C-alpha atoms as a PDB file:
ATOM      1  CA  UNK A   1     120.636  58.604 199.381  1.00  0.00           C
ATOM      2  CA  UNK A   2     119.092  59.409 196.071  1.00  0.00           C
ATOM      3  CA  UNK A   3     121.343  58.317 193.826  1.00  0.00           C
ATOM      4  CA  UNK A   4     123.008  55.522 195.547  1.00  0.00           C
ATOM      5  CA  UNK A   5     122.605  51.964 196.904  1.00  0.00           C
ATOM      6  CA  UNK A   6     123.789  50.175 199.543  1.00  0.00           C
ATOM      7  CA  UNK A   7     125.958  47.083 199.161  1.00  0.00           C
ATOM      8  CA  UNK A   8     126.492  44.145 201.200  1.00  0.00           C
ATOM      9  CA  UNK A   9     128.944  45.768 203.271  1.00  0.00           C
ATOM     10  CA  UNK A  10     126.611  48.641 203.940  1.00  0.00           C
ATOM     11  CA  UNK A  11     128.304  51.331 202.325  1.00  0.00           C
ATOM     12  CA  UNK A  12     126.526  53.440 200.044  1.00  0.00           C
ATOM     13  CA  UNK A  13     127.565  53.614 196.384  1.00  0.00           C
ATOM     14  CA  UNK A  14     126.986  55.355 193.672  1.00  0.00           C
ATOM     15  CA  UNK A  15     124.232  54.103 190.960  1.00  0.00           C
ATOM     16  CA  UNK A  16     125.252  52.923 187.732  1.00  0.00           C
ATOM     17  CA  UNK A  17     123.436  54.648 184.803  1.00  0.00           C
ATOM     18  CA  UNK A  18     121.058  52.452 182.912  1.00  0.00           C
ATOM     19  CA  UNK A  19     121.279  54.101 179.586  1.00  0.00           C
ATOM     20  CA  UNK A  20     123.142  56.954 178.274  1.00  0.00           C
ATOM     21  CA  UNK A  21     121.621  60.483 178.543  1.00  0.00           C
ATOM     22  CA  UNK A  22     123.663  61.769 175.567  1.00  0.00           C
ATOM     23  CA  UNK A  23     121.247  63.944 173.097  1.00  0.00           C
ATOM     24  CA  UNK A  24     120.102  62.365 169.872  1.00  0.00           C
ATOM     25  CA  UNK A  25     122.018  62.950 166.525  1.00  0.00           C
ATOM     26  CA  UNK A  26     121.069  61.462 163.661  1.00  0.00           C
ATOM     27  CA  UNK A  27     123.803  59.607 161.706  1.00  0.00           C
ATOM     28  CA  UNK A  28     124.140  58.670 157.890  1.00  0.00           C
ATOM     29  CA  UNK A  29     121.987  55.849 158.590  1.00  0.00           C
ATOM     30  CA  UNK A  30     119.284  58.231 159.996  1.00  0.00           C
ATOM     31  CA  UNK A  31     119.215  60.681 157.123  1.00  0.00           C
ATOM     32  CA  UNK A  32     118.959  57.636 154.493  1.00  0.00           C
ATOM     33  CA  UNK A  33     115.749  56.869 156.505  1.00  0.00           C
ATOM     34  CA  UNK A  34     114.199  60.422 156.456  1.00  0.00           C
ATOM     35  CA  UNK A  35     110.790  60.384 155.002  1.00  0.00           C
ATOM     36  CA  UNK A  36     111.423  62.372 151.837  1.00  0.00           C
ATOM     37  CA  UNK A  37     114.647  60.870 150.231  1.00  0.00           C
ATOM     38  CA  UNK A  38     112.800  58.234 148.338  1.00  0.00           C
ATOM     39  CA  UNK A  39     111.083  61.278 146.311  1.00  0.00           C
ATOM     40  CA  UNK A  40     114.777  62.119 145.304  1.00  0.00           C
ATOM     41  CA  UNK A  41     115.454  58.626 144.089  1.00  0.00           C
ATOM     42  CA  UNK A  42     112.311  58.360 142.263  1.00  0.00           C
ATOM     43  CA  UNK A  43     112.984  61.819 140.508  1.00  0.00           C
ATOM     44  CA  UNK A  44     116.278  60.666 139.653  1.00  0.00           C
ATOM     45  CA  UNK A  45     114.664  57.419 137.808  1.00  0.00           C
ATOM     46  CA  UNK A  46     111.817  59.593 135.933  1.00  0.00           C
ATOM     47  CA  UNK A  47     114.643  61.692 134.438  1.00  0.00           C
ATOM     48  CA  UNK A  48     116.778  58.538 133.149  1.00  0.00           C
ATOM     49  CA  UNK A  49     113.615  56.757 131.648  1.00  0.00           C
ATOM     50  CA  UNK A  50     112.603  60.428 129.724  1.00  0.00           C
ATOM     51  CA  UNK A  51     116.424  60.458 128.401  1.00  0.00           C
ATOM     52  CA  UNK A  52     115.952  56.905 127.053  1.00  0.00           C
ATOM     53  CA  UNK A  53     112.425  57.356 125.524  1.00  0.00           C
ATOM     54  CA  UNK A  54     113.859  60.403 123.869  1.00  0.00           C
ATOM     55  CA  UNK A  55     116.964  58.763 122.504  1.00  0.00           C
ATOM     56  CA  UNK A  56     115.025  56.400 121.230  1.00  0.00           C
ATOM     57  CA  UNK A  57     112.492  58.197 119.765  1.00  0.00           C
ATOM     58  CA  UNK A  58     115.259  60.232 117.939  1.00  0.00           C
ATOM     59  CA  UNK A  59     117.481  56.889 116.874  1.00  0.00           C
ATOM     60  CA  UNK A  60     113.678  55.581 115.357  1.00  0.00           C
ATOM     61  CA  UNK A  61     113.104  58.695 113.670  1.00  0.00           C
ATOM     62  CA  UNK A  62     116.357  58.808 111.629  1.00  0.00           C
ATOM     63  CA  UNK A  63     116.571  55.157 111.238  1.00  0.00           C
ATOM     64  CA  UNK A  64     113.029  55.545 109.209  1.00  0.00           C
ATOM     65  CA  UNK A  65     114.113  58.277 106.978  1.00  0.00           C
ATOM     66  CA  UNK A  66     117.220  56.796 106.140  1.00  0.00           C
ATOM     67  CA  UNK A  67     115.340  53.367 104.703  1.00  0.00           C
ATOM     68  CA  UNK A  68     112.403  54.870 102.986  1.00  0.00           C
ATOM     69  CA  UNK A  69     112.512  56.817 100.157  1.00  0.00           C
ATOM     70  CA  UNK A  70     111.151  60.421  99.273  1.00  0.00           C
ATOM     71  CA  UNK A  71     107.849  61.360 100.601  1.00  0.00           C
ATOM     72  CA  UNK A  72     104.556  62.668  98.473  1.00  0.00           C
ATOM     73  CA  UNK A  73     101.436  63.672  99.858  1.00  0.00           C
ATOM     74  CA  UNK A  74     100.267  63.461  96.223  1.00  0.00           C
ATOM     75  CA  UNK A  75     100.993  60.905  93.486  1.00  0.00           C
ATOM     76  CA  UNK A  76     101.865  63.836  91.243  1.00  0.00           C
ATOM     77  CA  UNK A  77     103.870  65.571  93.577  1.00  0.00           C
ATOM     78  CA  UNK A  78     107.207  66.711  92.102  1.00  0.00           C
ATOM     79  CA  UNK A  79     106.181  66.202  88.526  1.00  0.00           C
ATOM     80  CA  UNK A  80     105.223  69.599  88.085  1.00  0.00           C
ATOM     81  CA  UNK A  81     108.790  70.856  87.396  1.00  0.00           C
ATOM     82  CA  UNK A  82     109.417  67.992  85.032  1.00  0.00           C
ATOM     83  CA  UNK A  83     106.265  67.795  83.207  1.00  0.00           C
ATOM     84  CA  UNK A  84     105.882  71.406  82.440  1.00  0.00           C
ATOM     85  CA  UNK A  85     109.643  71.563  80.953  1.00  0.00           C
ATOM     86  CA  UNK A  86     108.293  69.078  78.224  1.00  0.00           C
ATOM     87  CA  UNK A  87     104.988  70.413  76.999  1.00  0.00           C
ATOM     88  CA  UNK A  88     102.756  73.786  77.873  1.00  0.00           C
ATOM     89  CA  UNK A  89     100.323  73.103  80.768  1.00  0.00           C
ATOM     90  CA  UNK A  90      99.099  74.182  84.314  1.00  0.00           C
ATOM     91  CA  UNK A  91      98.806  72.639  87.551  1.00  0.00           C
ATOM     92  CA  UNK A  92      95.419  73.057  89.506  1.00  0.00           C
ATOM     93  CA  UNK A  93      94.225  71.587  92.468  1.00  0.00           C
ATOM     94  CA  UNK A  94      96.907  69.289  92.334  1.00  0.00           C
ATOM     95  CA  UNK A  95      96.098  67.838  88.607  1.00  0.00           C
ATOM     96  CA  UNK A  96      98.470  68.216  85.914  1.00  0.00           C
ATOM     97  CA  UNK A  97      97.139  69.501  82.640  1.00  0.00           C
ATOM     98  CA  UNK A  98      99.566  69.012  80.076  1.00  0.00           C
ATOM     99  CA  UNK A  99      98.595  70.525  76.389  1.00  0.00           C
ATOM    100  CA  UNK A 100      99.407  69.178  73.067  1.00  0.00           C
ATOM    101  CA  UNK A 101      98.121  72.139  70.418  1.00  0.00           C
ATOM    102  CA  UNK A 102      98.213  72.474  66.595  1.00  0.00           C
ATOM    103  CA  UNK A 103     101.665  74.147  67.000  1.00  0.00           C
ATOM    104  CA  UNK A 104     103.153  70.805  67.757  1.00  0.00           C
ATOM    105  CA  UNK A 105     100.984  68.073  67.656  1.00  0.00           C
ATOM    106  CA  UNK A 106      98.029  68.188  64.714  1.00  0.00           C
ATOM    107  CA  UNK A 107      97.409  69.935  61.477  1.00  0.00           C
ATOM    108  CA  UNK A 108      94.401  71.310  60.604  1.00  0.00           C
ATOM    109  CA  UNK A 109      91.432  68.688  59.723  1.00  0.00           C
ATOM    110  CA  UNK A 110      93.989  65.829  60.987  1.00  0.00           C
ATOM    111  CA  UNK A 111      94.388  63.661  64.123  1.00  0.00           C
ATOM    112  CA  UNK A 112      97.753  62.043  62.927  1.00  0.00           C
ATOM    113  CA  UNK A 113     100.522  62.957  65.352  1.00  0.00           C
ATOM    114  CA  UNK A 114     103.487  64.851  64.166  1.00  0.00           C
ATOM    115  CA  UNK A 115     107.070  64.123  64.835  1.00  0.00           C
ATOM    116  CA  UNK A 116     107.063  66.751  67.420  1.00  0.00           C
ATOM    117  CA  UNK A 117     104.375  64.911  69.003  1.00  0.00           C
ATOM    118  CA  UNK A 118     105.997  61.831  69.058  1.00  0.00           C
ATOM    119  CA  UNK A 119     109.232  63.284  70.981  1.00  0.00           C
ATOM    120  CA  UNK A 120     107.314  65.271  73.186  1.00  0.00           C
ATOM    121  CA  UNK A 121     105.520  61.944  74.427  1.00  0.00           C
ATOM    122  CA  UNK A 122     108.178  59.803  74.626  1.00  0.00           C
ATOM    123  CA  UNK A 123     109.761  61.935  77.113  1.00  0.00           C
ATOM    124  CA  UNK A 124     106.261  62.368  79.063  1.00  0.00           C
ATOM    125  CA  UNK A 125     106.223  58.829  78.967  1.00  0.00           C
ATOM    126  CA  UNK A 126     109.577  58.417  80.523  1.00  0.00           C
ATOM    127  CA  UNK A 127     108.649  60.401  83.371  1.00  0.00           C
ATOM    128  CA  UNK A 128     105.503  58.812  84.455  1.00  0.00           C
ATOM    129  CA  UNK A 129     106.808  55.535  84.186  1.00  0.00           C
ATOM    130  CA  UNK A 130     108.649  56.111  86.986  1.00  0.00           C
ATOM    131  CA  UNK A 131     105.709  56.920  89.664  1.00  0.00           C
ATOM    132  CA  UNK A 132     102.187  55.220  90.277  1.00  0.00           C
ATOM    133  CA  UNK A 133      99.559  56.148  92.041  1.00  0.00           C
ATOM    134  CA  UNK A 134      97.586  58.117  89.252  1.00  0.00           C
ATOM    135  CA  UNK A 135      95.139  58.343  86.547  1.00  0.00           C
ATOM    136  CA  UNK A 136      95.379  60.043  82.931  1.00  0.00           C
ATOM    137  CA  UNK A 137      92.172  61.860  81.162  1.00  0.00           C
ATOM    138  CA  UNK A 138      93.128  62.565  77.502  1.00  0.00           C
ATOM    139  CA  UNK A 139      90.747  64.909  75.959  1.00  0.00           C
ATOM    140  CA  UNK A 140      90.853  66.009  72.252  1.00  0.00           C
ATOM    141  CA  UNK A 141      89.564  69.181  71.061  1.00  0.00           C
ATOM    142  CA  UNK A 142      89.354  70.869  67.922  1.00  0.00           C
ATOM    143  CA  UNK A 143      88.334  74.492  66.070  1.00  0.00           C
ATOM    144  CA  UNK A 144      85.145  75.022  64.934  1.00  0.00           C
ATOM    145  CA  UNK A 145      85.332  75.145  61.134  1.00  0.00           C
ATOM    146  CA  UNK A 146      83.179  72.414  59.404  1.00  0.00           C
ATOM    147  CA  UNK A 147      85.163  69.066  58.605  1.00  0.00           C
ATOM    148  CA  UNK A 148      85.964  68.228  55.289  1.00  0.00           C
ATOM    149  CA  UNK A 149      84.039  64.810  54.284  1.00  0.00           C
ATOM    150  CA  UNK A 150      87.009  63.704  52.658  1.00  0.00           C
ATOM    151  CA  UNK A 151      89.012  63.528  55.651  1.00  0.00           C
ATOM    152  CA  UNK A 152      86.748  60.411  56.898  1.00  0.00           C
ATOM    153  CA  UNK A 153      85.508  62.371  59.849  1.00  0.00           C
ATOM    154  CA  UNK A 154      81.347  62.945  60.159  1.00  0.00           C
ATOM    155  CA  UNK A 155      82.035  65.875  62.850  1.00  0.00           C
ATOM    156  CA  UNK A 156      84.628  68.101  64.845  1.00  0.00           C
ATOM    157  CA  UNK A 157      83.610  65.726  67.671  1.00  0.00           C
ATOM    158  CA  UNK A 158      84.951  62.723  65.939  1.00  0.00           C
ATOM    159  CA  UNK A 159      88.065  64.718  64.797  1.00  0.00           C
ATOM    160  CA  UNK A 160      88.953  65.285  68.479  1.00  0.00           C
ATOM    161  CA  UNK A 161      87.956  61.851  69.781  1.00  0.00           C
ATOM    162  CA  UNK A 162      90.464  60.335  66.949  1.00  0.00           C
ATOM    163  CA  UNK A 163      93.117  62.999  68.210  1.00  0.00           C
ATOM    164  CA  UNK A 164      92.879  61.664  71.623  1.00  0.00           C
ATOM    165  CA  UNK A 165      92.998  58.060  70.749  1.00  0.00           C
ATOM    166  CA  UNK A 166      96.415  58.682  69.041  1.00  0.00           C
ATOM    167  CA  UNK A 167      97.672  60.167  71.961  1.00  0.00           C
ATOM    168  CA  UNK A 168      96.408  57.481  73.824  1.00  0.00           C
ATOM    169  CA  UNK A 169      97.869  54.603  71.739  1.00  0.00           C
ATOM    170  CA  UNK A 170     101.034  56.350  71.332  1.00  0.00           C
ATOM    171  CA  UNK A 171     101.415  56.556  75.520  1.00  0.00           C
ATOM    172  CA  UNK A 172     100.596  52.767  75.677  1.00  0.00           C
ATOM    173  CA  UNK A 173     102.939  51.795  72.953  1.00  0.00           C
ATOM    174  CA  UNK A 174     105.417  54.074  74.957  1.00  0.00           C
ATOM    175  CA  UNK A 175     105.038  51.763  78.324  1.00  0.00           C
ATOM    176  CA  UNK A 176     102.269  53.636  80.287  1.00  0.00           C
ATOM    177  CA  UNK A 177      99.461  51.224  81.788  1.00  0.00           C
ATOM    178  CA  UNK A 178      96.222  51.327  79.112  1.00  0.00           C
ATOM    179  CA  UNK A 179      94.111  51.006  82.163  1.00  0.00           C
ATOM    180  CA  UNK A 180      94.920  54.381  83.963  1.00  0.00           C
ATOM    181  CA  UNK A 181      94.083  56.195  80.641  1.00  0.00           C
ATOM    182  CA  UNK A 182      90.726  57.103  79.079  1.00  0.00           C
ATOM    183  CA  UNK A 183      90.345  59.143  76.119  1.00  0.00           C
ATOM    184  CA  UNK A 184      87.538  61.471  75.055  1.00  0.00           C
ATOM    185  CA  UNK A 185      86.600  64.194  72.522  1.00  0.00           C
ATOM    186  CA  UNK A 186      84.787  67.094  73.128  1.00  0.00           C
ATOM    187  CA  UNK A 187      84.575  68.909  69.926  1.00  0.00           C
ATOM    188  CA  UNK A 188      84.912  72.364  69.444  1.00  0.00           C
ATOM    189  CA  UNK A 189      82.768  72.891  72.709  1.00  0.00           C
ATOM    190  CA  UNK A 190      85.595  74.151  75.119  1.00  0.00           C
ATOM    191  CA  UNK A 191      87.824  76.342  73.119  1.00  0.00           C
ATOM    192  CA  UNK A 192      90.351  78.622  74.718  1.00  0.00           C
ATOM    193  CA  UNK A 193      90.208  80.950  71.952  1.00  0.00           C
ATOM    194  CA  UNK A 194      87.382  82.475  69.887  1.00  0.00           C
ATOM    195  CA  UNK A 195      88.580  80.773  66.437  1.00  0.00           C
ATOM    196  CA  UNK A 196      88.353  83.991  64.838  1.00  0.00           C
ATOM    197  CA  UNK A 197      92.194  83.700  63.037  1.00  0.00           C
ATOM    198  CA  UNK A 198      94.591  80.849  62.248  1.00  0.00           C
ATOM    199  CA  UNK A 199      96.615  81.379  65.265  1.00  0.00           C
ATOM    200  CA  UNK A 200      93.418  81.113  67.542  1.00  0.00           C
ATOM    201  CA  UNK A 201      92.103  78.035  65.840  1.00  0.00           C
ATOM    202  CA  UNK A 202      95.396  76.139  65.968  1.00  0.00           C
ATOM    203  CA  UNK A 203      95.068  76.780  69.921  1.00  0.00           C
ATOM    204  CA  UNK A 204      91.861  75.206  70.058  1.00  0.00           C
ATOM    205  CA  UNK A 205      92.925  72.223  68.269  1.00  0.00           C
ATOM    206  CA  UNK A 206      94.554  70.536  70.756  1.00  0.00           C
ATOM    207  CA  UNK A 207      94.608  67.479  73.133  1.00  0.00           C
ATOM    208  CA  UNK A 208      95.122  67.817  77.024  1.00  0.00           C
ATOM    209  CA  UNK A 209      96.417  65.256  79.322  1.00  0.00           C
ATOM    210  CA  UNK A 210      95.204  65.726  82.757  1.00  0.00           C
ATOM    211  CA  UNK A 211      97.095  63.610  85.268  1.00  0.00           C
ATOM    212  CA  UNK A 212      95.475  62.905  88.555  1.00  0.00           C
ATOM    213  CA  UNK A 213      96.220  61.349  91.829  1.00  0.00           C
ATOM    214  CA  UNK A 214      94.196  58.029  91.736  1.00  0.00           C
ATOM    215  CA  UNK A 215      92.966  58.339  95.436  1.00  0.00           C
END
């Protein structure tokens, strides 16, 4: 008989099943062995690494900002407001040009600094000594009136140069590095007015201090 066997006594007995016919139902271990489960773990690891990297970057930026002082794109950045309160001037292309004109600095036909000019230069030097990375061109100018030979000057060029040199010497005495300064005189070549009145000649009788970044 199918499904039975004959024992020693000649009696047919039912066969014992050699394996279970219970349908396969995956358990917890089977779920962990599913082919897509490792992708979930990898995604979690990558998310944790990204969070760690972002936190570390933010910490480094914060630490650097606490340790470093003010940052300037140019050495002259931040000086404009302070220096232009000390003397008239303009800012162009990142350069600062301060003007000491005849109202505060020089009398007609003379290169001697007035007390007012000494005071202004002292305040300018106090500001500039706190900064580095700049150079200074000190440019003397004059009006177009003929020079009196009694003054000892042969021309307006010599007069304007002496004015620039006196400003140079004063700033050096006040503690600025002479190596970053250069003095020159241009006479009456580049007047800002027409020399047609005492007020206009006084404006042309000036020294310009041009402060430039050294790089």
